[in-house]
PDB file of N, CA and C in Angstrom:
ATOM      1  N   MET A   1      71.687 -44.682  10.140  1.00  0.00           N
ATOM      2  CA  MET A   1      71.290 -44.593   8.753  1.00  0.00           C
ATOM      3  C   MET A   1      69.768 -44.634   8.607  1.00  0.00           C
ATOM      4  N   ARG A   2      69.122 -45.496   9.392  1.00  0.00           N
ATOM      5  CA  ARG A   2      67.655 -45.574   9.331  1.00  0.00           C
ATOM      6  C   ARG A   2      67.033 -44.269   9.829  1.00  0.00           C
ATOM      7  N   ARG A   3      67.680 -43.688  10.825  1.00  0.00           N
ATOM      8  CA  ARG A   3      67.143 -42.443  11.375  1.00  0.00           C
ATOM      9  C   ARG A   3      67.222 -41.325  10.349  1.00  0.00           C
ATOM     10  N   LEU A   4      68.296 -41.266   9.602  1.00  0.00           N
ATOM     11  CA  LEU A   4      68.455 -40.256   8.553  1.00  0.00           C
ATOM     12  C   LEU A   4      67.399 -40.450   7.462  1.00  0.00           C
ATOM     13  N   ALA A   5      67.127 -41.673   7.086  1.00  0.00           N
ATOM     14  CA  ALA A   5      66.110 -41.957   6.075  1.00  0.00           C
ATOM     15  C   ALA A   5      64.724 -41.543   6.572  1.00  0.00           C
ATOM     16  N   LEU A   6      64.454 -41.779   7.842  1.00  0.00           N
ATOM     17  CA  LEU A   6      63.170 -41.377   8.416  1.00  0.00           C
ATOM     18  C   LEU A   6      63.022 -39.866   8.417  1.00  0.00           C
ATOM     19  N   ILE A   7      64.061 -39.164   8.781  1.00  0.00           N
ATOM     20  CA  ILE A   7      64.024 -37.695   8.816  1.00  0.00           C
ATOM     21  C   ILE A   7      63.834 -37.136   7.411  1.00  0.00           C
ATOM     22  N   LEU A   8      64.551 -37.690   6.441  1.00  0.00           N
ATOM     23  CA  LEU A   8      64.404 -37.209   5.065  1.00  0.00           C
ATOM     24  C   LEU A   8      63.009 -37.487   4.518  1.00  0.00           C
ATOM     25  N   SER A   9      62.458 -38.643   4.823  1.00  0.00           N
ATOM     26  CA  SER A   9      61.114 -38.943   4.339  1.00  0.00           C
ATOM     27  C   SER A   9      60.077 -38.038   5.003  1.00  0.00           C
ATOM     28  N   LEU A  10      60.236 -37.718   6.271  1.00  0.00           N
ATOM     29  CA  LEU A  10      59.309 -36.795   6.942  1.00  0.00           C
ATOM     30  C   LEU A  10      59.419 -35.384   6.375  1.00  0.00           C
ATOM     31  N   LEU A  11      60.630 -34.956   6.075  1.00  0.00           N
ATOM     32  CA  LEU A  11      60.812 -33.630   5.481  1.00  0.00           C
ATOM     33  C   LEU A  11      60.189 -33.550   4.087  1.00  0.00           C
ATOM     34  N   SER A  12      60.343 -34.603   3.302  1.00  0.00           N
ATOM     35  CA  SER A  12      59.745 -34.593   1.961  1.00  0.00           C
ATOM     36  C   SER A  12      58.217 -34.640   2.051  1.00  0.00           C
ATOM     37  N   LEU A  13      57.692 -35.375   3.011  1.00  0.00           N
ATOM     38  CA  LEU A  13      56.243 -35.408   3.219  1.00  0.00           C
ATOM     39  C   LEU A  13      55.724 -34.035   3.629  1.00  0.00           C
ATOM     40  N   GLN A  14      56.456 -33.362   4.482  1.00  0.00           N
ATOM     41  CA  GLN A  14      56.069 -32.023   4.912  1.00  0.00           C
ATOM     42  C   GLN A  14      56.080 -31.065   3.728  1.00  0.00           C
ATOM     43  N   ALA A  15      57.061 -31.182   2.864  1.00  0.00           N
ATOM     44  CA  ALA A  15      57.137 -30.314   1.684  1.00  0.00           C
ATOM     45  C   ALA A  15      55.938 -30.539   0.767  1.00  0.00           C
ATOM     46  N   CYS A  16      55.529 -31.778   0.599  1.00  0.00           N
ATOM     47  CA  CYS A  16      54.367 -32.080  -0.239  1.00  0.00           C
ATOM     48  C   CYS A  16      53.087 -31.515   0.368  1.00  0.00           C
ATOM     49  N   LEU A  17      52.930 -31.658   1.666  1.00  0.00           N
ATOM     50  CA  LEU A  17      51.720 -31.163   2.317  1.00  0.00           C
ATOM     51  C   LEU A  17      51.665 -29.637   2.326  1.00  0.00           C
ATOM     52  N   SER A  18      52.791 -28.982   2.460  1.00  0.00           N
ATOM     53  CA  SER A  18      52.778 -27.516   2.451  1.00  0.00           C
ATOM     54  C   SER A  18      52.401 -27.011   1.063  1.00  0.00           C
ATOM     55  N   GLY A  19      52.784 -27.747   0.023  1.00  0.00           N
ATOM     56  CA  GLY A  19      52.366 -27.374  -1.333  1.00  0.00           C
ATOM     57  C   GLY A  19      50.866 -27.458  -1.494  1.00  0.00           C
ATOM     58  N   CYS A  20      50.265 -28.474  -0.889  1.00  0.00           N
ATOM     59  CA  CYS A  20      48.807 -28.609  -0.940  1.00  0.00           C
ATOM     60  C   CYS A  20      48.122 -27.460  -0.219  1.00  0.00           C
ATOM     61  N   SER A  21      48.670 -27.050   0.892  1.00  0.00           N
ATOM     62  CA  SER A  21      48.050 -25.944   1.632  1.00  0.00           C
ATOM     63  C   SER A  21      48.182 -24.636   0.868  1.00  0.00           C
ATOM     64  N   VAL A  22      49.277 -24.458   0.139  1.00  0.00           N
ATOM     65  CA  VAL A  22      49.420 -23.253  -0.688  1.00  0.00           C
ATOM     66  C   VAL A  22      48.353 -23.237  -1.770  1.00  0.00           C
ATOM     67  N   LEU A  23      48.110 -24.385  -2.390  1.00  0.00           N
ATOM     68  CA  LEU A  23      47.071 -24.455  -3.410  1.00  0.00           C
ATOM     69  C   LEU A  23      45.684 -24.210  -2.822  1.00  0.00           C
ATOM     70  N   ALA A  24      45.434 -24.703  -1.627  1.00  0.00           N
ATOM     71  CA  ALA A  24      44.135 -24.495  -0.987  1.00  0.00           C
ATOM     72  C   ALA A  24      43.902 -23.019  -0.678  1.00  0.00           C
ATOM     73  N   VAL A  25      44.929 -22.333  -0.212  1.00  0.00           N
ATOM     74  CA  VAL A  25      44.808 -20.900   0.088  1.00  0.00           C
ATOM     75  C   VAL A  25      44.606 -20.110  -1.201  1.00  0.00           C
ATOM     76  N   ALA A  26      45.337 -20.466  -2.249  1.00  0.00           N
ATOM     77  CA  ALA A  26      45.166 -19.772  -3.530  1.00  0.00           C
ATOM     78  C   ALA A  26      43.763 -19.990  -4.088  1.00  0.00           C
ATOM     79  N   ASP A  27      43.236 -21.197  -3.957  1.00  0.00           N
ATOM     80  CA  ASP A  27      41.884 -21.488  -4.423  1.00  0.00           C
ATOM     81  C   ASP A  27      40.853 -20.675  -3.650  1.00  0.00           C
ATOM     82  N   ALA A  28      41.045 -20.568  -2.349  1.00  0.00           N
ATOM     83  CA  ALA A  28      40.124 -19.769  -1.532  1.00  0.00           C
ATOM     84  C   ALA A  28      40.173 -18.301  -1.934  1.00  0.00           C
ATOM     85  N   ALA A  29      41.358 -17.792  -2.236  1.00  0.00           N
ATOM     86  CA  ALA A  29      41.488 -16.388  -2.648  1.00  0.00           C
ATOM     87  C   ALA A  29      40.776 -16.142  -3.975  1.00  0.00           C
ATOM     88  N   VAL A  30      40.903 -17.068  -4.908  1.00  0.00           N
ATOM     89  CA  VAL A  30      40.230 -16.917  -6.200  1.00  0.00           C
ATOM     90  C   VAL A  30      38.720 -16.954  -6.013  1.00  0.00           C
ATOM     91  N   THR A  31      38.237 -17.818  -5.136  1.00  0.00           N
ATOM     92  CA  THR A  31      36.803 -17.896  -4.876  1.00  0.00           C
ATOM     93  C   THR A  31      36.277 -16.591  -4.285  1.00  0.00           C
ATOM     94  N   VAL A  32      37.026 -15.995  -3.369  1.00  0.00           N
ATOM     95  CA  VAL A  32      36.607 -14.724  -2.769  1.00  0.00           C
ATOM     96  C   VAL A  32      36.556 -13.629  -3.820  1.00  0.00           C
ATOM     97  N   VAL A  33      37.547 -13.570  -4.686  1.00  0.00           N
ATOM     98  CA  VAL A  33      37.562 -12.540  -5.732  1.00  0.00           C
ATOM     99  C   VAL A  33      36.395 -12.738  -6.692  1.00  0.00           C
ATOM    100  N   ALA A  34      36.114 -13.976  -7.081  1.00  0.00           N
ATOM    101  CA  ALA A  34      34.999 -14.237  -8.000  1.00  0.00           C
ATOM    102  C   ALA A  34      33.666 -13.846  -7.369  1.00  0.00           C
ATOM    103  N   THR A  35      33.502 -14.124  -6.098  1.00  0.00           N
ATOM    104  CA  THR A  35      32.270 -13.740  -5.405  1.00  0.00           C
ATOM    105  C   THR A  35      32.148 -12.227  -5.324  1.00  0.00           C
ATOM    106  N   THR A  36      33.246 -11.545  -5.063  1.00  0.00           N
ATOM    107  CA  THR A  36      33.232 -10.083  -4.988  1.00  0.00           C
ATOM    108  C   THR A  36      32.850  -9.481  -6.334  1.00  0.00           C
ATOM    109  N   VAL A  37      33.381 -10.012  -7.413  1.00  0.00           N
ATOM    110  CA  VAL A  37      33.046  -9.504  -8.745  1.00  0.00           C
ATOM    111  C   VAL A  37      31.572  -9.735  -9.051  1.00  0.00           C
ATOM    112  N   SER A  38      31.047 -10.888  -8.685  1.00  0.00           N
ATOM    113  CA  SER A  38      29.642 -11.190  -8.928  1.00  0.00           C
ATOM    114  C   SER A  38      28.728 -10.245  -8.158  1.00  0.00           C
ATOM    115  N   VAL A  39      29.053 -10.006  -6.899  1.00  0.00           N
ATOM    116  CA  VAL A  39      28.248  -9.081  -6.089  1.00  0.00           C
ATOM    117  C   VAL A  39      28.346  -7.664  -6.650  1.00  0.00           C
ATOM    118  N   GLY A  40      29.529  -7.272  -7.074  1.00  0.00           N
ATOM    119  CA  GLY A  40      29.708  -5.941  -7.670  1.00  0.00           C
ATOM    120  C   GLY A  40      28.880  -5.765  -8.927  1.00  0.00           C
ATOM    121  N   ALA A  41      28.821  -6.803  -9.775  1.00  0.00           N
ATOM    122  CA  ALA A  41      28.018  -6.720 -10.996  1.00  0.00           C
ATOM    123  C   ALA A  41      26.534  -6.603 -10.665  1.00  0.00           C
ATOM    124  N   THR A  42      26.089  -7.301  -9.644  1.00  0.00           N
ATOM    125  CA  THR A  42      24.684  -7.211  -9.236  1.00  0.00           C
ATOM    126  C   THR A  42      24.354  -5.814  -8.726  1.00  0.00           C
ATOM    127  N   VAL A  43      25.250  -5.229  -7.955  1.00  0.00           N
ATOM    128  CA  VAL A  43      25.027  -3.876  -7.435  1.00  0.00           C
ATOM    129  C   VAL A  43      24.970  -2.874  -8.566  1.00  0.00           C
ATOM    130  N   VAL A  44      25.865  -2.999  -9.541  1.00  0.00           N
ATOM    131  CA  VAL A  44      25.857  -2.077 -10.677  1.00  0.00           C
ATOM    132  C   VAL A  44      24.575  -2.230 -11.480  1.00  0.00           C
ATOM    133  N   GLY A  45      24.129  -3.460 -11.697  1.00  0.00           N
ATOM    134  CA  GLY A  45      22.884  -3.673 -12.428  1.00  0.00           C
ATOM    135  C   GLY A  45      21.688  -3.062 -11.714  1.00  0.00           C
ATOM    136  N   THR A  46      21.648  -3.183 -10.408  1.00  0.00           N
ATOM    137  CA  THR A  46      20.562  -2.586  -9.631  1.00  0.00           C
ATOM    138  C   THR A  46      20.633  -1.060  -9.698  1.00  0.00           C
ATOM    139  N   ALA A  47      21.828  -0.507  -9.630  1.00  0.00           N
ATOM    140  CA  ALA A  47      21.984   0.948  -9.709  1.00  0.00           C
ATOM    141  C   ALA A  47      21.513   1.475 -11.056  1.00  0.00           C
ATOM    142  N   VAL A  48      21.790   0.740 -12.121  1.00  0.00           N
ATOM    143  CA  VAL A  48      21.338   1.158 -13.450  1.00  0.00           C
ATOM    144  C   VAL A  48      19.816   1.128 -13.520  1.00  0.00           C
ATOM    145  N   ASP A  49      19.190   0.096 -12.967  1.00  0.00           N
ATOM    146  CA  ASP A  49      17.732   0.011 -12.971  1.00  0.00           C
ATOM    147  C   ASP A  49      17.108   1.157 -12.181  1.00  0.00           C
ATOM    148  N   VAL A  50      17.680   1.463 -11.024  1.00  0.00           N
ATOM    149  CA  VAL A  50      17.150   2.550 -10.192  1.00  0.00           C
ATOM    150  C   VAL A  50      17.324   3.890 -10.897  1.00  0.00           C
ATOM    151  N   THR A  51      18.475   4.080 -11.531  1.00  0.00           N
ATOM    152  CA  THR A  51      18.716   5.337 -12.255  1.00  0.00           C
ATOM    153  C   THR A  51      17.750   5.489 -13.416  1.00  0.00           C
ATOM    154  N   ALA A  52      17.495   4.420 -14.149  1.00  0.00           N
ATOM    155  CA  ALA A  52      16.551   4.478 -15.265  1.00  0.00           C
ATOM    156  C   ALA A  52      15.151   4.812 -14.774  1.00  0.00           C
ATOM    157  N   ALA A  53      14.763   4.234 -13.647  1.00  0.00           N
ATOM    158  CA  ALA A  53      13.440   4.541 -13.097  1.00  0.00           C
ATOM    159  C   ALA A  53      13.354   6.001 -12.666  1.00  0.00           C
ATOM    160  N   GLY A  54      14.448   6.512 -12.092  1.00  0.00           N
ATOM    161  CA  GLY A  54      14.474   7.923 -11.689  1.00  0.00           C
ATOM    162  C   GLY A  54      14.390   8.854 -12.879  1.00  0.00           C
ATOM    163  N   VAL A  55      15.075   8.526 -13.952  1.00  0.00           N
ATOM    164  CA  VAL A  55      15.025   9.357 -15.162  1.00  0.00           C
ATOM    165  C   VAL A  55      13.622   9.341 -15.746  1.00  0.00           C
ATOM    166  N   LYS A  56      12.977   8.190 -15.763  1.00  0.00           N
ATOM    167  CA  LYS A  56      11.602   8.127 -16.268  1.00  0.00           C
ATOM    168  C   LYS A  56      10.665   8.963 -15.408  1.00  0.00           C
ATOM    169  N   ALA A  57      10.869   8.927 -14.085  1.00  0.00           N
ATOM    170  CA  ALA A  57       9.999   9.694 -13.195  1.00  0.00           C
ATOM    171  C   ALA A  57      10.191  11.186 -13.390  1.00  0.00           C
ATOM    172  N   VAL A  58      11.435  11.625 -13.537  1.00  0.00           N
ATOM    173  CA  VAL A  58      11.709  13.059 -13.709  1.00  0.00           C
ATOM    174  C   VAL A  58      11.269  13.531 -15.080  1.00  0.00           C
ATOM    175  N   ALA A  59      11.491  12.734 -16.104  1.00  0.00           N
ATOM    176  CA  ALA A  59      11.144  13.121 -17.472  1.00  0.00           C
ATOM    177  C   ALA A  59       9.648  13.036 -17.724  1.00  0.00           C
ATOM    178  N   GLY A  60       8.945  12.334 -16.866  1.00  0.00           N
ATOM    179  CA  GLY A  60       7.501  12.237 -17.012  1.00  0.00           C
ATOM    180  C   GLY A  60       7.071  11.183 -18.012  1.00  0.00           C
ATOM    181  N   THR A  61       7.946  10.307 -18.395  1.00  0.00           N
ATOM    182  CA  THR A  61       7.540   9.248 -19.312  1.00  0.00           C
ATOM    183  C   THR A  61       6.819   8.166 -18.533  1.00  0.00           C
ATOM    184  N   ASP A  62       5.884   7.522 -19.200  1.00  0.00           N
ATOM    185  CA  ASP A  62       5.083   6.502 -18.543  1.00  0.00           C
ATOM    186  C   ASP A  62       4.766   5.417 -19.555  1.00  0.00           C
ATOM    187  N   ASP A  63       4.934   4.178 -19.178  1.00  0.00           N
ATOM    188  CA  ASP A  63       4.667   3.076 -20.092  1.00  0.00           C
ATOM    189  C   ASP A  63       3.175   2.897 -20.361  1.00  0.00           C
ATOM    190  N   GLU A  64       2.311   3.395 -19.499  1.00  0.00           N
ATOM    191  CA  GLU A  64       0.874   3.205 -19.659  1.00  0.00           C
ATOM    192  C   GLU A  64       0.338   3.960 -20.861  1.00  0.00           C
ATOM    193  N   GLU A  65       0.965   5.070 -21.230  1.00  0.00           N
ATOM    194  CA  GLU A  65       0.475   5.868 -22.346  1.00  0.00           C
ATOM    195  C   GLU A  65       0.754   5.203 -23.681  1.00  0.00           C
ATOM    196  N   GLY A  66       1.687   4.309 -23.741  1.00  0.00           N
ATOM    197  CA  GLY A  66       2.042   3.640 -24.992  1.00  0.00           C
ATOM    198  C   GLY A  66       3.066   4.459 -25.749  1.00  0.00           C
ATOM    199  N   ASP A  67       3.887   3.795 -26.483  1.00  0.00           N
ATOM    200  CA  ASP A  67       4.905   4.476 -27.263  1.00  0.00           C
ATOM    201  C   ASP A  67       4.399   4.715 -28.668  1.00  0.00           C
ATOM    202  N   ALA A  68       4.913   5.754 -29.316  1.00  0.00           N
ATOM    203  CA  ALA A  68       4.514   6.066 -30.683  1.00  0.00           C
ATOM    204  C   ALA A  68       5.050   5.016 -31.653  1.00  0.00           C
ATOM    205  N   ASP A  69       6.100   4.315 -31.272  1.00  0.00           N
ATOM    206  CA  ASP A  69       6.698   3.317 -32.151  1.00  0.00           C
ATOM    207  C   ASP A  69       5.912   2.018 -32.166  1.00  0.00           C
ATOM    208  N   GLU A  70       5.051   1.808 -31.201  1.00  0.00           N
ATOM    209  CA  GLU A  70       4.322   0.553 -31.113  1.00  0.00           C
ATOM    210  C   GLU A  70       3.037   0.615 -31.926  1.00  0.00           C
ATOM    211  N   ALA A  71       2.678  -0.512 -32.523  1.00  0.00           N
ATOM    212  CA  ALA A  71       1.425  -0.595 -33.269  1.00  0.00           C
ATOM    213  C   ALA A  71       0.264  -0.651 -32.277  1.00  0.00           C
ATOM    214  N   PRO A  72      -0.878  -0.061 -32.629  1.00  0.00           N
ATOM    215  CA  PRO A  72      -2.026  -0.105 -31.716  1.00  0.00           C
ATOM    216  C   PRO A  72      -2.540  -1.537 -31.582  1.00  0.00           C
ATOM    217  N   LEU A  73      -3.074  -1.833 -30.409  1.00  0.00           N
ATOM    218  CA  LEU A  73      -3.630  -3.167 -30.165  1.00  0.00           C
ATOM    219  C   LEU A  73      -4.974  -3.296 -30.856  1.00  0.00           C
ATOM    220  N   VAL A  74      -5.214  -4.443 -31.445  1.00  0.00           N
ATOM    221  CA  VAL A  74      -6.463  -4.688 -32.168  1.00  0.00           C
ATOM    222  C   VAL A  74      -7.132  -5.892 -31.525  1.00  0.00           C
ATOM    223  N   GLU A  75      -8.400  -5.730 -31.142  1.00  0.00           N
ATOM    224  CA  GLU A  75      -9.166  -6.839 -30.587  1.00  0.00           C
ATOM    225  C   GLU A  75      -9.492  -7.807 -31.730  1.00  0.00           C
ATOM    226  N   SER A  76      -9.709  -9.058 -31.390  1.00  0.00           N
ATOM    227  CA  SER A  76     -10.057 -10.032 -32.431  1.00  0.00           C
ATOM    228  C   SER A  76     -11.417  -9.672 -33.008  1.00  0.00           C
ATOM    229  N   GLY A  77     -11.530  -9.743 -34.304  1.00  0.00           N
ATOM    230  CA  GLY A  77     -12.784  -9.425 -34.989  1.00  0.00           C
ATOM    231  C   GLY A  77     -12.830  -7.991 -35.481  1.00  0.00           C
ATOM    232  N   GLU A  78     -11.947  -7.130 -35.024  1.00  0.00           N
ATOM    233  CA  GLU A  78     -11.930  -5.732 -35.484  1.00  0.00           C
ATOM    234  C   GLU A  78     -10.968  -5.601 -36.660  1.00  0.00           C
ATOM    235  N   ALA A  79     -11.223  -4.634 -37.484  1.00  0.00           N
ATOM    236  CA  ALA A  79     -10.326  -4.366 -38.599  1.00  0.00           C
ATOM    237  C   ALA A  79      -9.134  -3.572 -38.082  1.00  0.00           C
ATOM    238  N   ALA A  80      -7.981  -3.849 -38.629  1.00  0.00           N
ATOM    239  CA  ALA A  80      -6.775  -3.136 -38.204  1.00  0.00           C
ATOM    240  C   ALA A  80      -6.800  -1.742 -38.813  1.00  0.00           C
ATOM    241  N   PRO A  81      -6.399  -0.726 -38.050  1.00  0.00           N
ATOM    242  CA  PRO A  81      -6.393   0.643 -38.592  1.00  0.00           C
ATOM    243  C   PRO A  81      -5.338   0.780 -39.696  1.00  0.00           C
ATOM    244  N   GLN A  82      -5.694   1.520 -40.713  1.00  0.00           N
ATOM    245  CA  GLN A  82      -4.789   1.740 -41.848  1.00  0.00           C
ATOM    246  C   GLN A  82      -4.037   3.049 -41.627  1.00  0.00           C
ATOM    247  N   PRO A  83      -2.762   3.088 -42.003  1.00  0.00           N
ATOM    248  CA  PRO A  83      -1.987   4.348 -41.819  1.00  0.00           C
ATOM    249  C   PRO A  83      -2.397   5.419 -42.785  1.00  0.00           C
TER     250      PRO A  83
END
C-alpha cells in the first residue's frame, strides 16, 4: 500500500513538472515571435528612410534650399519681411 502511494505521488509530481515545462516552452516561443516582430519593424523603418532618401536624390530636392512653406529666418534686430 505504501508503495502504491509513493508511485501515485511521483506520477502526480511528474505531471505538475511537465506542465511547468510546457509553460516555459510556450513563453520562449512568444519571446521569439515578439523579437522577430520588433526586428521586422526596424527593418521596415530603415527601408522607408532609405527609400525616402533615394526619392529625394532622384527628384533633386534638397533641404538646404529651404521650403517655400517655411518663413524666412530673421536675425535679431532686423525687421521681419512683409508679404
